[in-house]
């Protein structure tokens, strides 16, 4: 029986960050992953593959150049599934290679197999070869991530009716596609394939989608994707899904039917905890398999067991998972570290991109914070003209009382990169004056911050310290006036 300072179950972003941090602290650490290759969902079926697919789609389809050369312009006339997969596999191979190198460099042990708790201090790992190892540790970190939600009433077959993990292995690109679920995953894939000129229908049972995003930004986004050809069906509950052989038919409760060559079911994910046997360790999960933690330390109710990443729920981002894993490892190993910043960016890699940081207009109103709004359109910037951008929005929310920037929403090209300027200003408690006073490179899309800042600034009350008090007239000046 082997003993470790820290055993990490799962090698996704949170597990990866925790393992490297523990390795740098010269602790004995083991990472257990059921897959034969490290990286977890993020590297193999989630973040890295979907973002690689997006970049490939935009490049091969000539999407970014169509405002100059016409909607029919393409870099490659016939785009096939193999074209999308070629770059995908290269990127995944590189990602796994870098991760394995980082683990080797930091003396992190790894073991491939399915882990399950025997008790709060012991795990059993069964490999595909049938070998079983029993391991103990002072501390544990659960970073098993999530798995696709596959309800019984959906006739999954891996070819025409697929979940988001299977979607990347499609044999050929369909001419028409139904996407069920307008969450982050569904929206990303729906808009990507619309950019490939696939006829896409996006079905969402609720009356709204991406509810954590500012409604004004979503209105602009909705206009853009519908203009790009996505048929968005909100408030459309599904009665049935049938594979008819030549097509998939979806019956909606409003009496309408939708047909397509392929269906992607992307309505939610579940915490991958069932096979972990959490009850043996004294842990409970919610109805979606997620584990509750202290959001400052990532401790579960069993103090020596931690959990981080998608398995603990919102925000379920690779970026926040990396941060959570590092903080969890430091706390578990009694090493002080910096706390997380209060504001983090949220990025959705759709076409167009969406990224936000801070509060939405709805949150400002709910908290009864008096505010002003500044808006910039990418087409107003010279860089936008150079790039051929016809759309794109940057929205800035500013407190009238403190002049602090409290939220920024961006829809358009480069949104997930541009948002980091807002993140820095928000976390440093910066005001709108920063954007008015400072010079931005010209021409750049970042110049939209200055345009939005000036838009808000020009409609806000002038601060007392900015007001110029007229000088009192002297005797000399009075005499000159008489002459």
Foldseek 3Di string as FASTA:
>chain_A
DAEFAEEEEAQAQLNLLLQLLCLVVVGAYEYEYQDPFHHACCLQQDVLLLLLLLVLLCQQQVLLCCLPVHNNDGNDNDDKLVSSVVSSVVRSVVVRVVSVVSCVVSVYHYHHFQWADQEQFWIWGAHPVGDIDIYGHQFYEYENAWAADDDPQQPDDLEFEEESRSVSVHRTQWLEEEEEAQALSSQAVQQSVLSVVRQYEYEYLAQDYPVQAFPVLVVQVVVVSVVSRYHYHHNWAWPHWDDPPQWIWTATPVGDIDITRHYYYYHDIAQPCPSRHCVNHVFDADPRQAGDADVFQQAGPNRRYGYFAPSNPPPRDSVVSNVNSNSNSCVNVVHDDDTDQPKDKDWRVHVFIKIKIFHHPVVCVVVVFDKFKFKFWLVVAPVCVVSSPPTKMKMWIAGLVLQFTGMIMITGPPNVPLCVVVVVSVSVRHGLVVLCPDDDDPRDSNVRSNRRSVRRVVPHDDDPVPDDDDDDDDPVNVVVVVD
